[in-house]
Amino acid sequence: MTAKPDIGTIAKDTRNGKVGRVMGHVGRYVQLRPLKGGLEWDVPPEHIEPATTSDTLSAAVAERNAQSQRGTLK
């Protein structure tokens, strides 16, 4: 994706497969935040693609598994 995605959309970082919500644009970078919160990371726009339903579901399941292992599952 060469155009920067809209703030609030869910996107995928193609460098590492991580999925996040677009929080902003700083310089030429897109800032993504994990779906369940956490630290934002910067992604060059050429490494952003729209997240599929499968991408979003996989990210949610991975977060729930991590919470379970940490003992913070609610």
PDB file of N, CA and C in Angstrom:
ATOM      1  N   MET A   1       0.869  -1.172   0.000  1.00  0.00           N
ATOM      2  CA  MET A   1       0.000   0.000   0.000  1.00  0.00           C
ATOM      3  C   MET A   1       0.910   1.227   0.000  1.00  0.00           C
ATOM      4  N   THR A   2       0.724   2.112  -0.947  1.00  0.00           N
ATOM      5  CA  THR A   2       1.554   3.309  -0.998  1.00  0.00           C
ATOM      6  C   THR A   2       0.866   4.501  -0.352  1.00  0.00           C
ATOM      7  N   ALA A   3      -0.459   4.555  -0.392  1.00  0.00           N
ATOM      8  CA  ALA A   3      -1.188   5.635   0.281  1.00  0.00           C
ATOM      9  C   ALA A   3      -1.295   5.295   1.762  1.00  0.00           C
ATOM     10  N   LYS A   4      -1.241   6.309   2.599  1.00  0.00           N
ATOM     11  CA  LYS A   4      -1.357   6.071   4.037  1.00  0.00           C
ATOM     12  C   LYS A   4      -2.805   5.744   4.389  1.00  0.00           C
ATOM     13  N   PRO A   5      -3.011   4.691   5.186  1.00  0.00           N
ATOM     14  CA  PRO A   5      -4.380   4.313   5.564  1.00  0.00           C
ATOM     15  C   PRO A   5      -4.987   5.317   6.538  1.00  0.00           C
ATOM     16  N   ASP A   6      -6.296   5.349   6.588  1.00  0.00           N
ATOM     17  CA  ASP A   6      -7.008   6.260   7.486  1.00  0.00           C
ATOM     18  C   ASP A   6      -6.790   5.870   8.942  1.00  0.00           C
ATOM     19  N   ILE A   7      -6.760   6.876   9.803  1.00  0.00           N
ATOM     20  CA  ILE A   7      -6.658   6.649  11.242  1.00  0.00           C
ATOM     21  C   ILE A   7      -7.872   5.846  11.695  1.00  0.00           C
ATOM     22  N   GLY A   8      -7.617   4.850  12.535  1.00  0.00           N
ATOM     23  CA  GLY A   8      -8.677   3.999  13.062  1.00  0.00           C
ATOM     24  C   GLY A   8      -8.863   2.695  12.311  1.00  0.00           C
ATOM     25  N   THR A   9      -8.290   2.593  11.104  1.00  0.00           N
ATOM     26  CA  THR A   9      -8.430   1.343  10.363  1.00  0.00           C
ATOM     27  C   THR A   9      -7.456   0.302  10.909  1.00  0.00           C
ATOM     28  N   ILE A  10      -7.731  -0.948  10.598  1.00  0.00           N
ATOM     29  CA  ILE A  10      -6.859  -2.041  11.031  1.00  0.00           C
ATOM     30  C   ILE A  10      -5.986  -2.422   9.847  1.00  0.00           C
ATOM     31  N   ALA A  11      -4.674  -2.507  10.103  1.00  0.00           N
ATOM     32  CA  ALA A  11      -3.722  -2.766   9.032  1.00  0.00           C
ATOM     33  C   ALA A  11      -2.688  -3.786   9.494  1.00  0.00           C
ATOM     34  N   LYS A  12      -1.961  -4.319   8.522  1.00  0.00           N
ATOM     35  CA  LYS A  12      -0.944  -5.337   8.782  1.00  0.00           C
ATOM     36  C   LYS A  12       0.419  -4.814   8.356  1.00  0.00           C
ATOM     37  N   ASP A  13       1.411  -5.024   9.208  1.00  0.00           N
ATOM     38  CA  ASP A  13       2.805  -4.705   8.916  1.00  0.00           C
ATOM     39  C   ASP A  13       3.377  -5.911   8.178  1.00  0.00           C
ATOM     40  N   THR A  14       3.681  -5.763   6.900  1.00  0.00           N
ATOM     41  CA  THR A  14       4.130  -6.903   6.100  1.00  0.00           C
ATOM     42  C   THR A  14       5.553  -7.334   6.432  1.00  0.00           C
ATOM     43  N   ARG A  15       6.287  -6.526   7.187  1.00  0.00           N
ATOM     44  CA  ARG A  15       7.648  -6.914   7.563  1.00  0.00           C
ATOM     45  C   ARG A  15       7.643  -8.043   8.584  1.00  0.00           C
ATOM     46  N   ASN A  16       6.638  -8.043   9.468  1.00  0.00           N
ATOM     47  CA  ASN A  16       6.625  -9.031  10.546  1.00  0.00           C
ATOM     48  C   ASN A  16       5.265  -9.703  10.738  1.00  0.00           C
ATOM     49  N   GLY A  17       4.264  -9.308   9.957  1.00  0.00           N
ATOM     50  CA  GLY A  17       2.944  -9.913  10.050  1.00  0.00           C
ATOM     51  C   GLY A  17       2.086  -9.409  11.193  1.00  0.00           C
ATOM     52  N   LYS A  18       2.584  -8.429  11.965  1.00  0.00           N
ATOM     53  CA  LYS A  18       1.809  -7.908  13.089  1.00  0.00           C
ATOM     54  C   LYS A  18       0.643  -7.057  12.595  1.00  0.00           C
ATOM     55  N   VAL A  19      -0.465  -7.151  13.321  1.00  0.00           N
ATOM     56  CA  VAL A  19      -1.680  -6.417  12.983  1.00  0.00           C
ATOM     57  C   VAL A  19      -1.910  -5.354  14.045  1.00  0.00           C
ATOM     58  N   GLY A  20      -2.322  -4.170  13.612  1.00  0.00           N
ATOM     59  CA  GLY A  20      -2.597  -3.102  14.566  1.00  0.00           C
ATOM     60  C   GLY A  20      -3.580  -2.088  14.009  1.00  0.00           C
ATOM     61  N   ARG A  21      -3.999  -1.199  14.889  1.00  0.00           N
ATOM     62  CA  ARG A  21      -4.902  -0.115  14.508  1.00  0.00           C
ATOM     63  C   ARG A  21      -4.052   1.106  14.164  1.00  0.00           C
ATOM     64  N   VAL A  22      -4.385   1.770  13.061  1.00  0.00           N
ATOM     65  CA  VAL A  22      -3.662   2.976  12.647  1.00  0.00           C
ATOM     66  C   VAL A  22      -4.004   4.097  13.625  1.00  0.00           C
ATOM     67  N   MET A  23      -2.968   4.620  14.287  1.00  0.00           N
ATOM     68  CA  MET A  23      -3.153   5.666  15.291  1.00  0.00           C
ATOM     69  C   MET A  23      -2.756   7.047  14.784  1.00  0.00           C
ATOM     70  N   GLY A  24      -1.926   7.075  13.758  1.00  0.00           N
ATOM     71  CA  GLY A  24      -1.507   8.370  13.248  1.00  0.00           C
ATOM     72  C   GLY A  24      -0.447   8.212  12.176  1.00  0.00           C
ATOM     73  N   HIS A  25       0.006   9.366  11.695  1.00  0.00           N
ATOM     74  CA  HIS A  25       1.049   9.433  10.683  1.00  0.00           C
ATOM     75  C   HIS A  25       2.086  10.430  11.183  1.00  0.00           C
ATOM     76  N   VAL A  26       3.332   9.998  11.241  1.00  0.00           N
ATOM     77  CA  VAL A  26       4.420  10.878  11.662  1.00  0.00           C
ATOM     78  C   VAL A  26       5.462  10.862  10.557  1.00  0.00           C
ATOM     79  N   GLY A  27       5.664  12.021   9.934  1.00  0.00           N
ATOM     80  CA  GLY A  27       6.554  12.056   8.784  1.00  0.00           C
ATOM     81  C   GLY A  27       6.007  11.135   7.713  1.00  0.00           C
ATOM     82  N   ARG A  28       6.845  10.272   7.216  1.00  0.00           N
ATOM     83  CA  ARG A  28       6.394   9.332   6.189  1.00  0.00           C
ATOM     84  C   ARG A  28       5.883   8.023   6.774  1.00  0.00           C
ATOM     85  N   TYR A  29       5.945   7.879   8.086  1.00  0.00           N
ATOM     86  CA  TYR A  29       5.580   6.618   8.736  1.00  0.00           C
ATOM     87  C   TYR A  29       4.122   6.568   9.179  1.00  0.00           C
ATOM     88  N   VAL A  30       3.605   5.344   9.225  1.00  0.00           N
ATOM     89  CA  VAL A  30       2.278   5.065   9.771  1.00  0.00           C
ATOM     90  C   VAL A  30       2.505   4.464  11.152  1.00  0.00           C
ATOM     91  N   GLN A  31       1.772   4.937  12.145  1.00  0.00           N
ATOM     92  CA  GLN A  31       1.906   4.393  13.493  1.00  0.00           C
ATOM     93  C   GLN A  31       0.794   3.388  13.746  1.00  0.00           C
ATOM     94  N   LEU A  32       1.188   2.159  14.093  1.00  0.00           N
ATOM     95  CA  LEU A  32       0.237   1.108  14.433  1.00  0.00           C
ATOM     96  C   LEU A  32       0.321   0.814  15.927  1.00  0.00           C
ATOM     97  N   ARG A  33      -0.807   0.481  16.521  1.00  0.00           N
ATOM     98  CA  ARG A  33      -0.870   0.070  17.926  1.00  0.00           C
ATOM     99  C   ARG A  33      -1.530  -1.303  17.968  1.00  0.00           C
ATOM    100  N   PRO A  34      -1.020  -2.222  18.800  1.00  0.00           N
ATOM    101  CA  PRO A  34      -1.673  -3.529  18.920  1.00  0.00           C
ATOM    102  C   PRO A  34      -3.165  -3.367  19.220  1.00  0.00           C
ATOM    103  N   LEU A  35      -3.970  -4.299  18.743  1.00  0.00           N
ATOM    104  CA  LEU A  35      -5.425  -4.191  18.879  1.00  0.00           C
ATOM    105  C   LEU A  35      -5.881  -4.122  20.331  1.00  0.00           C
ATOM    106  N   LYS A  36      -5.170  -4.770  21.231  1.00  0.00           N
ATOM    107  CA  LYS A  36      -5.553  -4.752  22.650  1.00  0.00           C
ATOM    108  C   LYS A  36      -4.774  -3.703  23.438  1.00  0.00           C
ATOM    109  N   GLY A  37      -4.138  -2.768  22.737  1.00  0.00           N
ATOM    110  CA  GLY A  37      -3.386  -1.708  23.405  1.00  0.00           C
ATOM    111  C   GLY A  37      -1.914  -2.062  23.493  1.00  0.00           C
ATOM    112  N   GLY A  38      -1.141  -1.091  23.877  1.00  0.00           N
ATOM    113  CA  GLY A  38       0.302  -1.288  23.980  1.00  0.00           C
ATOM    114  C   GLY A  38       1.038  -0.188  23.242  1.00  0.00           C
ATOM    115  N   LEU A  39       2.317  -0.412  23.058  1.00  0.00           N
ATOM    116  CA  LEU A  39       3.166   0.590  22.422  1.00  0.00           C
ATOM    117  C   LEU A  39       2.975   0.595  20.912  1.00  0.00           C
ATOM    118  N   GLU A  40       2.915   1.783  20.367  1.00  0.00           N
ATOM    119  CA  GLU A  40       2.818   1.946  18.916  1.00  0.00           C
ATOM    120  C   GLU A  40       4.178   1.670  18.290  1.00  0.00           C
ATOM    121  N   TRP A  41       4.153   1.277  17.029  1.00  0.00           N
ATOM    122  CA  TRP A  41       5.387   1.132  16.282  1.00  0.00           C
ATOM    123  C   TRP A  41       5.215   1.789  14.922  1.00  0.00           C
ATOM    124  N   ASP A  42       6.326   2.235  14.360  1.00  0.00           N
ATOM    125  CA  ASP A  42       6.321   2.947  13.083  1.00  0.00           C
ATOM    126  C   ASP A  42       6.534   1.971  11.930  1.00  0.00           C
ATOM    127  N   VAL A  43       5.768   2.188  10.873  1.00  0.00           N
ATOM    128  CA  VAL A  43       5.848   1.327   9.694  1.00  0.00           C
ATOM    129  C   VAL A  43       5.916   2.210   8.449  1.00  0.00           C
ATOM    130  N   PRO A  44       6.897   1.975   7.571  1.00  0.00           N
ATOM    131  CA  PRO A  44       6.897   2.699   6.305  1.00  0.00           C
ATOM    132  C   PRO A  44       5.643   2.321   5.506  1.00  0.00           C
ATOM    133  N   PRO A  45       5.040   3.261   4.805  1.00  0.00           N
ATOM    134  CA  PRO A  45       3.780   2.976   4.110  1.00  0.00           C
ATOM    135  C   PRO A  45       3.870   1.846   3.088  1.00  0.00           C
ATOM    136  N   GLU A  46       5.052   1.597   2.537  1.00  0.00           N
ATOM    137  CA  GLU A  46       5.174   0.503   1.567  1.00  0.00           C
ATOM    138  C   GLU A  46       5.096  -0.876   2.233  1.00  0.00           C
ATOM    139  N   HIS A  47       5.137  -0.910   3.559  1.00  0.00           N
ATOM    140  CA  HIS A  47       5.038  -2.172   4.299  1.00  0.00           C
ATOM    141  C   HIS A  47       3.712  -2.314   5.039  1.00  0.00           C
ATOM    142  N   ILE A  48       2.706  -1.545   4.623  1.00  0.00           N
ATOM    143  CA  ILE A  48       1.364  -1.614   5.221  1.00  0.00           C
ATOM    144  C   ILE A  48       0.404  -2.202   4.196  1.00  0.00           C
ATOM    145  N   GLU A  49      -0.445  -3.107   4.667  1.00  0.00           N
ATOM    146  CA  GLU A  49      -1.542  -3.582   3.817  1.00  0.00           C
ATOM    147  C   GLU A  49      -2.785  -3.712   4.688  1.00  0.00           C
ATOM    148  N   PRO A  50      -3.956  -3.643   4.068  1.00  0.00           N
ATOM    149  CA  PRO A  50      -5.181  -3.806   4.853  1.00  0.00           C
ATOM    150  C   PRO A  50      -5.199  -5.184   5.516  1.00  0.00           C
ATOM    151  N   ALA A  51      -5.630  -5.238   6.747  1.00  0.00           N
ATOM    152  CA  ALA A  51      -5.727  -6.516   7.453  1.00  0.00           C
ATOM    153  C   ALA A  51      -6.979  -7.256   6.998  1.00  0.00           C
ATOM    154  N   THR A  52      -6.832  -8.540   6.767  1.00  0.00           N
ATOM    155  CA  THR A  52      -7.985  -9.369   6.430  1.00  0.00           C
ATOM    156  C   THR A  52      -8.699  -9.769   7.723  1.00  0.00           C
ATOM    157  N   THR A  53      -9.874 -10.326   7.590  1.00  0.00           N
ATOM    158  CA  THR A  53     -10.594 -10.839   8.761  1.00  0.00           C
ATOM    159  C   THR A  53      -9.755 -11.908   9.453  1.00  0.00           C
ATOM    160  N   SER A  54      -9.100 -12.742   8.679  1.00  0.00           N
ATOM    161  CA  SER A  54      -8.241 -13.793   9.228  1.00  0.00           C
ATOM    162  C   SER A  54      -7.073 -13.197  10.008  1.00  0.00           C
ATOM    163  N   ASP A  55      -6.439 -12.141   9.468  1.00  0.00           N
ATOM    164  CA  ASP A  55      -5.343 -11.465  10.167  1.00  0.00           C
ATOM    165  C   ASP A  55      -5.807 -10.934  11.517  1.00  0.00           C
ATOM    166  N   THR A  56      -6.968 -10.285  11.521  1.00  0.00           N
ATOM    167  CA  THR A  56      -7.508  -9.673  12.738  1.00  0.00           C
ATOM    168  C   THR A  56      -7.843 -10.740  13.772  1.00  0.00           C
ATOM    169  N   LEU A  57      -8.464 -11.824  13.345  1.00  0.00           N
ATOM    170  CA  LEU A  57      -8.812 -12.909  14.260  1.00  0.00           C
ATOM    171  C   LEU A  57      -7.559 -13.568  14.830  1.00  0.00           C
ATOM    172  N   SER A  58      -6.561 -13.798  13.994  1.00  0.00           N
ATOM    173  CA  SER A  58      -5.312 -14.405  14.462  1.00  0.00           C
ATOM    174  C   SER A  58      -4.629 -13.536  15.508  1.00  0.00           C
ATOM    175  N   ALA A  59      -4.633 -12.218  15.302  1.00  0.00           N
ATOM    176  CA  ALA A  59      -4.033 -11.301  16.275  1.00  0.00           C
ATOM    177  C   ALA A  59      -4.790 -11.348  17.599  1.00  0.00           C
ATOM    178  N   ALA A  60      -6.117 -11.407  17.538  1.00  0.00           N
ATOM    179  CA  ALA A  60      -6.926 -11.462  18.760  1.00  0.00           C
ATOM    180  C   ALA A  60      -6.682 -12.762  19.520  1.00  0.00           C
ATOM    181  N   VAL A  61      -6.592 -13.880  18.812  1.00  0.00           N
ATOM    182  CA  VAL A  61      -6.338 -15.171  19.460  1.00  0.00           C
ATOM    183  C   VAL A  61      -4.945 -15.187  20.080  1.00  0.00           C
ATOM    184  N   ALA A  62      -3.960 -14.653  19.378  1.00  0.00           N
ATOM    185  CA  ALA A  62      -2.599 -14.602  19.915  1.00  0.00           C
ATOM    186  C   ALA A  62      -2.547 -13.776  21.198  1.00  0.00           C
ATOM    187  N   GLU A  63      -3.267 -12.662  21.235  1.00  0.00           N
ATOM    188  CA  GLU A  63      -3.292 -11.824  22.433  1.00  0.00           C
ATOM    189  C   GLU A  63      -3.961 -12.562  23.587  1.00  0.00           C
ATOM    190  N   ARG A  64      -5.058 -13.260  23.333  1.00  0.00           N
ATOM    191  CA  ARG A  64      -5.745 -14.026  24.389  1.00  0.00           C
ATOM    192  C   ARG A  64      -4.836 -15.140  24.916  1.00  0.00           C
ATOM    193  N   ASN A  65      -4.104 -15.801  24.036  1.00  0.00           N
ATOM    194  CA  ASN A  65      -3.173 -16.836  24.475  1.00  0.00           C
ATOM    195  C   ASN A  65      -2.080 -16.248  25.357  1.00  0.00           C
ATOM    196  N   ALA A  66      -1.558 -15.087  24.976  1.00  0.00           N
ATOM    197  CA  ALA A  66      -0.525 -14.429  25.780  1.00  0.00           C
ATOM    198  C   ALA A  66      -1.073 -14.048  27.152  1.00  0.00           C
ATOM    199  N   GLN A  67      -2.302 -13.531  27.197  1.00  0.00           N
ATOM    200  CA  GLN A  67      -2.923 -13.186  28.476  1.00  0.00           C
ATOM    201  C   GLN A  67      -3.089 -14.428  29.340  1.00  0.00           C
ATOM    202  N   SER A  68      -3.466 -15.529  28.750  1.00  0.00           N
ATOM    203  CA  SER A  68      -3.651 -16.777  29.487  1.00  0.00           C
ATOM    204  C   SER A  68      -2.330 -17.235  30.097  1.00  0.00           C
ATOM    205  N   GLN A  69      -1.255 -17.152  29.325  1.00  0.00           N
ATOM    206  CA  GLN A  69       0.057 -17.570  29.816  1.00  0.00           C
ATOM    207  C   GLN A  69       0.575 -16.648  30.912  1.00  0.00           C
ATOM    208  N   ARG A  70       0.216 -15.364  30.843  1.00  0.00           N
ATOM    209  CA  ARG A  70       0.638 -14.403  31.878  1.00  0.00           C
ATOM    210  C   ARG A  70      -0.262 -14.465  33.105  1.00  0.00           C
ATOM    211  N   GLY A  71      -1.389 -15.155  32.985  1.00  0.00           N
ATOM    212  CA  GLY A  71      -2.343 -15.217  34.092  1.00  0.00           C
ATOM    213  C   GLY A  71      -3.200 -13.976  34.210  1.00  0.00           C
ATOM    214  N   THR A  72      -3.332 -13.221  33.116  1.00  0.00           N
ATOM    215  CA  THR A  72      -4.118 -11.984  33.140  1.00  0.00           C
ATOM    216  C   THR A  72      -5.385 -12.090  32.307  1.00  0.00           C
ATOM    217  N   LEU A  73      -5.763 -13.305  31.935  1.00  0.00           N
ATOM    218  CA  LEU A  73      -6.962 -13.518  31.125  1.00  0.00           C
ATOM    219  C   LEU A  73      -8.203 -13.150  31.918  1.00  0.00           C
ATOM    220  N   LYS A  74      -9.074 -12.347  31.315  1.00  0.00           N
ATOM    221  CA  LYS A  74     -10.304 -11.912  31.988  1.00  0.00           C
ATOM    222  C   LYS A  74     -11.502 -12.551  31.358  1.00  0.00           C
TER     223      LYS A  74
END
